Amino acid sequence: MAKTKESVTQFEVHDAEILAQARAVLDTCHSLQDIQVAVLAAVARNEEWRGKRCLNLLAPEAPTSPTVRALLSSEIGIRAAEGHIGAANRWFAGTQHIDEVEALCVELLKQVFQARYADHRLVASMIGNLAVYTALTKPGDVIMSVPQPVGGHSSNRVDGPAGIRGLKIVDIPFDPVELEVDLDLFRKVAPLVRPRVITLGTSMTLFPFPVHAMYEIVAEWGGSIFFDGAHQLGLIAGHQYQDPLREGAAVLTGSAGKTFSGPQSGVIVWDDPGLTVGLTHAIFPMLAATHQVNRVAALAVSAAEMLAFGDVYMAQIVRNAQALGAALARRGIPLLGAHKGYTTTQQVIADVRSFGRGLAVAQRLAQANIITNKNLIPA
């Protein structure tokens, strides 16, 4: 038995010291109230530090309105709603007002992205990506996606949903200096492998993609463009970035918790009615049963806020990022894309190798209440 416990301990992925500290706290708790106090105290410490004293520069975060935050703790969050909108489509009765909330969310998302169809039920954009691969491919199909050292995300690589689906993944040629797709090389490579899906969008995202040009190439054999807009979703909604659906993408997914300034939530929008059955079946019943209706309500309000303020808000975000890039450059910090104005998004990417590795630099900045993140960059 001791050997088994030791074996389990060896494979604990979390920080052992922090877990030990948590156990020590629990050892001092003698009631449910004590535990509640301990949890609330940790939350309050985070709010005091991150919410009041830090400069939060994480690309996967954005502030939300008080209304969005209030909805996340609303009563509707404890209610179960499984299936599509409408009494005849639900597994549970008593959902008429939940239907109202979800319908508002769907219609608002359709307005924001000028799309014929929208879905709100998946908790994260990575799960949305799995829904797209489930609907648009079968195991063994070839896709092309951006490799991680130049900004690609694991959800579109072998260690994410694309790999779970059993897809063969070929790199999209990417210029590591210009930080954009090498379209000339893509024209040569793509016809050789005839990918079923081309996945665009990156977690390190500074400049637009040649969506329409790539669509025209893959359309020759019936390939589709899928745009993973996890980071760009708010910029797209605020008309400060390219519009993938207008440029030829079949599906756009995104994360509402990033530039969209909403709750942590996945968003999927598309125009082609021929994709609706496949996508919605992948969403329900395959990847979502009961979903978080408080999150859906918060997403509806954040979509309405984007309609009201998105253009001005997102334009200022891009200006801020470009100003930060210029200020860092003046202080001798090397930046990717400096010769192209640093960025056209919310991100600024610094090459910090002369200061240490990315995580070490991020941790040092956190000690100064500046919150950033590490990322792979082109060699």
Protein backbone atom coordinates (compact mmCIF):
# COMPACT_ATOMS: atom_id res chain seq x y z
CA MET A 1 0.00 0.00 0.00
CA ALA A 2 2.83 2.42 0.83
CA LYS A 3 4.33 1.76 -2.57
CA THR A 4 1.02 2.59 -4.24
CA LYS A 5 0.75 5.89 -2.35
CA GLU A 6 4.31 6.78 -3.30
CA SER A 7 3.56 5.98 -6.94
CA VAL A 8 0.49 8.21 -6.90
CA THR A 9 2.45 11.05 -5.28
CA GLN A 10 5.11 10.87 -7.97
CA PHE A 11 2.49 11.53 -10.63
CA GLU A 12 0.82 14.51 -8.95
CA VAL A 13 0.84 17.29 -11.55
CA HIS A 14 0.12 20.11 -9.11
CA ASP A 15 2.67 21.91 -6.95
CA ALA A 16 3.18 19.65 -3.93
CA GLU A 17 4.02 22.51 -1.56
CA ILE A 18 0.88 24.46 -2.43
CA LEU A 19 -1.27 21.35 -1.97
CA ALA A 20 0.40 20.77 1.39
CA GLN A 21 -0.42 24.34 2.40
CA ALA A 22 -4.06 23.72 1.46
CA ARG A 23 -4.14 20.59 3.60
CA ALA A 24 -2.67 22.57 6.49
CA VAL A 25 -5.43 25.16 6.14
CA LEU A 26 -8.09 22.44 6.11
CA ASP A 27 -6.55 20.90 9.22
CA THR A 28 -7.26 24.15 11.07
CA CYS A 29 -10.89 24.21 9.92
CA HIS A 30 -13.38 22.66 12.35
CA SER A 31 -16.62 23.46 10.54
CA LEU A 32 -18.13 24.25 7.17
CA GLN A 33 -18.08 27.91 8.17
CA ASP A 34 -14.33 27.75 8.76
CA ILE A 35 -13.82 26.33 5.27
CA GLN A 36 -16.06 28.99 3.73
CA VAL A 37 -14.06 31.68 5.48
CA ALA A 38 -10.80 30.20 4.16
CA VAL A 39 -12.06 30.09 0.57
CA LEU A 40 -13.56 33.57 0.72
CA ALA A 41 -10.34 34.93 2.19
CA ALA A 42 -8.29 33.54 -0.70
CA VAL A 43 -10.75 35.04 -3.19
CA ALA A 44 -10.57 38.39 -1.40
CA ARG A 45 -6.76 38.35 -1.45
CA ASN A 46 -6.82 37.75 -5.18
CA GLU A 47 -9.30 40.58 -5.71
CA GLU A 48 -7.26 42.97 -3.59
CA TRP A 49 -4.05 42.15 -5.45
CA ARG A 50 -5.06 41.37 -9.02
CA GLY A 51 -8.16 43.55 -9.01
CA LYS A 52 -6.76 46.67 -7.35
CA ARG A 53 -2.96 46.69 -7.37
CA CYS A 54 -1.89 44.94 -10.58
CA LEU A 55 -1.40 46.01 -14.16
CA ASN A 56 -3.06 43.02 -15.82
CA LEU A 57 -1.60 42.45 -19.28
CA LEU A 58 -2.54 38.83 -19.90
CA ALA A 59 -3.82 38.43 -23.45
CA PRO A 60 -6.40 35.78 -22.40
CA GLU A 61 -8.09 38.20 -19.97
CA ALA A 62 -10.25 41.28 -20.24
CA PRO A 63 -12.30 43.32 -17.79
CA THR A 64 -16.04 42.70 -17.68
CA SER A 65 -18.88 45.03 -16.79
CA PRO A 66 -20.55 44.87 -13.36
CA THR A 67 -23.68 43.49 -15.05
CA VAL A 68 -21.77 40.60 -16.61
CA ARG A 69 -20.15 39.78 -13.28
CA ALA A 70 -23.47 39.98 -11.44
CA LEU A 71 -25.14 37.60 -13.88
CA LEU A 72 -22.47 34.99 -13.25
CA SER A 73 -23.73 34.70 -9.67
CA SER A 74 -27.44 34.88 -10.54
CA GLU A 75 -30.09 32.32 -9.54
CA ILE A 76 -30.49 31.09 -13.10
CA GLY A 77 -27.05 29.51 -12.82
CA ILE A 78 -28.37 26.64 -10.71
CA ARG A 79 -31.07 25.72 -13.27
CA ALA A 80 -30.66 22.85 -15.71
CA ALA A 81 -31.42 23.25 -19.40
CA GLU A 82 -30.49 20.45 -21.76
CA GLY A 83 -31.13 20.45 -25.48
CA HIS A 84 -32.05 23.14 -27.99
CA ILE A 85 -34.20 26.21 -27.37
CA GLY A 86 -37.93 25.52 -27.14
CA ALA A 87 -40.11 23.31 -24.94
CA ALA A 88 -40.34 20.54 -27.54
CA ASN A 89 -36.53 20.40 -27.77
CA ARG A 90 -35.76 20.19 -24.04
CA TRP A 91 -35.26 17.22 -21.78
CA PHE A 92 -36.60 19.20 -18.82
CA ALA A 93 -39.77 21.19 -18.23
CA GLY A 94 -39.84 24.66 -16.68
CA THR A 95 -37.40 26.25 -19.12
CA GLN A 96 -39.57 28.92 -20.73
CA HIS A 97 -37.62 31.81 -19.21
CA ILE A 98 -34.32 30.07 -19.82
CA ASP A 99 -35.44 29.83 -23.46
CA GLU A 100 -35.88 33.62 -23.43
CA VAL A 101 -32.35 34.15 -22.15
CA GLU A 102 -30.76 31.70 -24.57
CA ALA A 103 -32.71 33.05 -27.54
CA LEU A 104 -31.59 36.59 -26.73
CA CYS A 105 -27.99 35.35 -26.57
CA VAL A 106 -28.20 33.55 -29.91
CA GLU A 107 -29.81 36.49 -31.71
CA LEU A 108 -27.35 38.97 -30.23
CA LEU A 109 -24.38 36.85 -31.33
CA LYS A 110 -25.85 36.62 -34.82
CA GLN A 111 -26.13 40.41 -34.90
CA VAL A 112 -22.62 40.99 -33.59
CA PHE A 113 -20.99 38.73 -36.18
CA GLN A 114 -23.55 39.22 -38.97
CA ALA A 115 -23.95 35.45 -39.10
CA ARG A 116 -26.95 33.26 -39.93
CA TYR A 117 -26.24 30.82 -37.10
CA ALA A 118 -24.68 31.04 -33.64
CA ASP A 119 -24.22 28.71 -30.70
CA HIS A 120 -23.55 29.63 -27.10
CA ARG A 121 -23.53 26.36 -25.17
CA LEU A 122 -19.90 25.28 -25.05
CA VAL A 123 -17.91 26.39 -22.05
CA ALA A 124 -14.66 27.09 -23.93
CA SER A 125 -13.44 27.85 -27.43
CA MET A 126 -11.18 24.78 -27.35
CA ILE A 127 -14.31 22.61 -27.02
CA GLY A 128 -15.74 24.63 -29.89
CA ASN A 129 -12.75 23.66 -31.97
CA LEU A 130 -13.44 20.00 -31.20
CA ALA A 131 -17.04 20.53 -32.32
CA VAL A 132 -15.81 21.94 -35.63
CA TYR A 133 -13.42 19.06 -36.23
CA THR A 134 -16.17 16.59 -35.32
CA ALA A 135 -18.55 18.19 -37.81
CA LEU A 136 -16.17 18.92 -40.68
CA THR A 137 -13.79 15.95 -40.63
CA LYS A 138 -13.51 12.25 -40.05
CA PRO A 139 -10.57 10.45 -38.41
CA GLY A 140 -7.63 10.19 -40.77
CA ASP A 141 -8.45 13.38 -42.68
CA VAL A 142 -5.67 15.86 -43.36
CA ILE A 143 -5.84 19.36 -41.94
CA MET A 144 -3.33 22.19 -42.00
CA SER A 145 -2.74 24.43 -38.98
CA VAL A 146 -0.17 26.92 -37.74
CA PRO A 147 2.72 25.32 -35.78
CA GLN A 148 3.09 26.34 -32.15
CA PRO A 149 6.53 28.04 -32.32
CA VAL A 150 5.03 30.72 -34.57
CA GLY A 151 1.86 31.17 -32.56
CA GLY A 152 -0.31 28.13 -33.22
CA HIS A 153 -2.42 26.74 -30.39
CA SER A 154 -2.47 23.20 -29.04
CA SER A 155 -6.20 22.86 -29.75
CA ASN A 156 -5.37 22.65 -33.45
CA ARG A 157 -2.37 20.36 -33.08
CA VAL A 158 -1.72 16.74 -32.22
CA ASP A 159 -1.92 17.34 -28.44
CA GLY A 160 -5.37 18.93 -28.63
CA PRO A 161 -8.81 18.38 -30.20
CA ALA A 162 -7.35 17.91 -33.68
CA GLY A 163 -5.25 15.06 -32.34
CA ILE A 164 -8.16 13.63 -30.35
CA ARG A 165 -10.15 13.52 -33.60
CA GLY A 166 -7.35 11.47 -35.16
CA LEU A 167 -6.50 14.00 -37.85
CA LYS A 168 -3.28 14.12 -39.84
CA ILE A 169 -1.81 17.56 -39.26
CA VAL A 170 0.39 19.38 -41.75
CA ASP A 171 2.03 22.72 -40.93
CA ILE A 172 0.81 25.86 -42.64
CA PRO A 173 3.98 27.52 -44.00
CA PHE A 174 4.60 30.57 -41.84
CA ASP A 175 7.17 33.34 -42.23
CA PRO A 176 8.86 33.72 -38.79
CA VAL A 177 10.07 37.24 -39.57
CA GLU A 178 6.96 38.72 -41.16
CA LEU A 179 4.80 36.70 -38.73
CA GLU A 180 2.32 35.84 -41.43
CA VAL A 181 1.40 32.91 -43.67
CA ASP A 182 3.91 32.27 -46.45
CA LEU A 183 1.25 32.32 -49.14
CA ASP A 184 3.59 31.44 -52.01
CA LEU A 185 4.76 28.30 -50.22
CA PHE A 186 1.20 27.47 -49.17
CA ARG A 187 0.15 27.51 -52.82
CA LYS A 188 2.75 24.82 -53.47
CA VAL A 189 2.19 22.66 -50.39
CA ALA A 190 -1.59 22.65 -50.01
CA PRO A 191 -2.42 20.94 -53.34
CA LEU A 192 0.03 18.16 -52.48
CA VAL A 193 -1.84 17.19 -49.29
CA ARG A 194 -5.33 18.51 -50.19
CA PRO A 195 -6.39 19.27 -46.60
CA ARG A 196 -10.01 18.87 -45.65
CA VAL A 197 -9.76 21.86 -43.32
CA ILE A 198 -7.37 24.80 -43.07
CA THR A 199 -7.29 26.13 -39.51
CA LEU A 200 -6.31 29.77 -39.12
CA GLY A 201 -5.99 31.86 -36.00
CA THR A 202 -3.24 31.71 -33.40
CA SER A 203 -2.73 32.30 -29.69
CA MET A 204 0.19 34.60 -30.56
CA THR A 205 -1.60 36.82 -33.02
CA LEU A 206 -0.23 40.12 -34.26
CA PHE A 207 -1.28 40.47 -37.90
CA PRO A 208 -4.14 39.34 -40.18
CA PHE A 209 -4.29 36.16 -42.25
CA PRO A 210 -4.82 35.88 -46.03
CA VAL A 211 -8.16 34.15 -45.48
CA HIS A 212 -9.71 34.86 -48.87
CA ALA A 213 -6.61 33.93 -50.84
CA MET A 214 -6.31 30.65 -48.96
CA TYR A 215 -10.03 29.97 -49.39
CA GLU A 216 -9.68 30.32 -53.16
CA ILE A 217 -6.84 27.77 -53.14
CA VAL A 218 -8.56 25.09 -51.03
CA ALA A 219 -11.94 25.54 -52.71
CA GLU A 220 -10.47 23.69 -55.71
CA TRP A 221 -10.84 20.35 -53.87
CA GLY A 222 -13.69 21.29 -51.52
CA GLY A 223 -11.56 22.21 -48.54
CA SER A 224 -12.88 24.53 -45.83
CA ILE A 225 -11.39 27.41 -43.88
CA PHE A 226 -11.95 27.29 -40.12
CA PHE A 227 -10.97 30.40 -38.17
CA ASP A 228 -10.08 29.92 -34.52
CA GLY A 229 -10.67 33.45 -33.27
CA ALA A 230 -10.13 32.77 -29.57
CA HIS A 231 -8.02 35.90 -29.14
CA GLN A 232 -9.45 38.01 -31.95
CA LEU A 233 -13.17 37.57 -31.20
CA GLY A 234 -13.70 41.01 -29.69
CA LEU A 235 -11.56 42.67 -32.34
CA ILE A 236 -13.66 41.01 -35.05
CA ALA A 237 -16.88 42.05 -33.31
CA GLY A 238 -15.56 45.62 -32.99
CA HIS A 239 -14.53 45.79 -36.66
CA GLN A 240 -10.85 46.29 -35.82
CA TYR A 241 -9.68 43.05 -37.40
CA GLN A 242 -10.49 41.09 -40.52
CA ASP A 243 -13.93 39.48 -40.78
CA PRO A 244 -13.26 35.77 -41.39
CA LEU A 245 -16.81 34.83 -42.41
CA ARG A 246 -16.91 37.57 -45.05
CA GLU A 247 -13.51 36.48 -46.37
CA GLY A 248 -14.40 32.82 -46.89
CA ALA A 249 -14.18 31.03 -43.54
CA ALA A 250 -16.88 28.40 -43.08
CA VAL A 251 -16.86 28.62 -39.27
CA LEU A 252 -15.59 31.06 -36.66
CA THR A 253 -15.02 30.00 -33.06
CA GLY A 254 -13.86 32.19 -30.23
CA SER A 255 -13.51 32.74 -26.52
CA ALA A 256 -15.76 35.35 -24.94
CA GLY A 257 -13.40 35.71 -21.98
CA LYS A 258 -10.64 37.38 -23.97
CA THR A 259 -11.05 40.53 -26.09
CA PHE A 260 -14.84 40.07 -26.12
CA SER A 261 -14.91 41.11 -22.44
CA GLY A 262 -17.46 38.47 -21.52
CA PRO A 263 -17.56 35.37 -19.33
CA GLN A 264 -15.29 32.41 -19.91
CA SER A 265 -17.31 30.88 -22.74
CA GLY A 266 -17.06 29.43 -26.20
CA VAL A 267 -18.77 31.03 -29.20
CA ILE A 268 -19.41 29.43 -32.60
CA VAL A 269 -20.88 31.26 -35.62
CA TRP A 270 -21.37 30.21 -39.24
CA ASP A 271 -23.44 31.00 -42.35
CA ASP A 272 -23.81 27.79 -44.35
CA PRO A 273 -27.06 25.94 -43.46
CA GLY A 274 -25.40 22.76 -44.70
CA LEU A 275 -23.14 22.84 -41.63
CA THR A 276 -25.91 23.29 -39.09
CA VAL A 277 -26.85 19.67 -38.48
CA GLY A 278 -23.24 18.54 -38.10
CA LEU A 279 -22.20 21.40 -35.84
CA THR A 280 -25.25 21.39 -33.61
CA HIS A 281 -25.14 17.60 -33.22
CA ALA A 282 -21.48 17.87 -32.24
CA ILE A 283 -22.43 20.49 -29.66
CA PHE A 284 -25.48 18.64 -28.34
CA PRO A 285 -25.59 15.82 -27.42
CA MET A 286 -21.89 15.07 -28.05
CA LEU A 287 -20.02 17.82 -26.19
CA ALA A 288 -22.59 19.61 -24.02
CA ALA A 289 -25.52 18.32 -22.01
CA THR A 290 -26.68 20.77 -19.36
CA HIS A 291 -24.85 24.05 -19.83
CA GLN A 292 -24.26 27.01 -17.54
CA VAL A 293 -27.22 29.35 -18.10
CA ASN A 294 -25.72 32.07 -15.90
CA ARG A 295 -22.78 32.11 -18.31
CA VAL A 296 -25.20 32.33 -21.25
CA ALA A 297 -26.97 35.32 -19.66
CA ALA A 298 -23.63 37.03 -19.10
CA LEU A 299 -22.63 36.26 -22.68
CA ALA A 300 -25.84 37.85 -23.96
CA VAL A 301 -25.12 41.08 -22.11
CA SER A 302 -21.49 41.17 -23.22
CA ALA A 303 -22.68 40.74 -26.83
CA ALA A 304 -25.07 43.66 -26.37
CA GLU A 305 -22.23 45.72 -24.90
CA MET A 306 -20.10 44.86 -27.92
CA LEU A 307 -22.85 46.11 -30.24
CA ALA A 308 -23.04 49.36 -28.27
CA PHE A 309 -19.37 50.05 -27.58
CA GLY A 310 -17.29 47.49 -29.47
CA ASP A 311 -15.95 49.67 -32.27
CA VAL A 312 -14.62 52.40 -29.96
CA TYR A 313 -13.47 49.96 -27.28
CA MET A 314 -11.54 47.70 -29.65
CA ALA A 315 -9.98 50.60 -31.57
CA GLN A 316 -8.57 51.93 -28.30
CA ILE A 317 -7.27 48.48 -27.34
CA VAL A 318 -5.27 48.30 -30.58
CA ARG A 319 -3.95 51.85 -30.11
CA ASN A 320 -2.92 50.98 -26.56
CA ALA A 321 -1.05 47.88 -27.71
CA GLN A 322 0.77 49.79 -30.44
CA ALA A 323 1.70 52.55 -27.99
CA LEU A 324 3.01 49.97 -25.52
CA GLY A 325 5.09 48.38 -28.26
CA ALA A 326 6.62 51.71 -29.22
CA ALA A 327 7.34 52.58 -25.57
CA LEU A 328 9.06 49.25 -24.94
CA ALA A 329 11.10 49.61 -28.12
CA ARG A 330 12.30 53.06 -27.05
CA ARG A 331 13.58 51.42 -23.87
CA GLY A 332 15.57 48.84 -25.78
CA ILE A 333 13.21 45.86 -25.46
CA PRO A 334 13.28 43.78 -28.66
CA LEU A 335 9.80 43.18 -30.04
CA LEU A 336 8.45 40.86 -32.68
CA GLY A 337 6.92 42.67 -35.65
CA ALA A 338 8.65 45.96 -34.85
CA HIS A 339 9.21 46.66 -38.55
CA LYS A 340 5.45 46.36 -39.11
CA GLY A 341 4.25 48.62 -36.31
CA TYR A 342 4.43 45.94 -33.59
CA THR A 343 0.84 44.71 -33.77
CA THR A 344 -2.64 45.09 -35.21
CA THR A 345 -4.28 43.31 -32.27
CA GLN A 346 -4.32 43.49 -28.46
CA GLN A 347 -1.01 41.66 -28.17
CA VAL A 348 2.59 42.83 -27.95
CA ILE A 349 5.28 40.13 -28.06
CA ALA A 350 8.68 40.88 -26.51
CA ASP A 351 11.76 38.75 -27.04
CA VAL A 352 13.04 38.49 -23.47
CA ARG A 353 15.78 35.92 -23.99
CA SER A 354 18.45 38.42 -22.96
CA PHE A 355 16.66 38.81 -19.61
CA GLY A 356 16.06 35.12 -18.96
CA ARG A 357 13.44 32.60 -20.02
CA GLY A 358 9.87 33.72 -20.53
CA LEU A 359 8.37 32.21 -17.39
CA ALA A 360 11.16 33.58 -15.17
CA VAL A 361 10.70 37.06 -16.64
CA ALA A 362 6.92 36.86 -16.18
CA GLN A 363 7.38 35.85 -12.55
CA ARG A 364 9.74 38.75 -11.92
CA LEU A 365 7.24 41.15 -13.45
CA ALA A 366 4.50 39.68 -11.26
CA GLN A 367 6.59 40.58 -8.22
CA ALA A 368 6.26 44.16 -9.45
CA ASN A 369 2.48 43.71 -9.90
CA ILE A 370 2.73 43.53 -13.69
CA ILE A 371 0.97 40.39 -14.93
CA THR A 372 2.14 38.91 -18.23
CA ASN A 373 2.65 35.44 -19.69
CA LYS A 374 5.35 33.43 -21.40
CA ASN A 375 4.95 32.24 -24.98
CA LEU A 376 6.91 30.36 -27.58
CA ILE A 377 8.42 32.64 -30.21
CA PRO A 378 10.10 31.86 -33.54
CA ALA A 379 13.76 30.93 -33.19
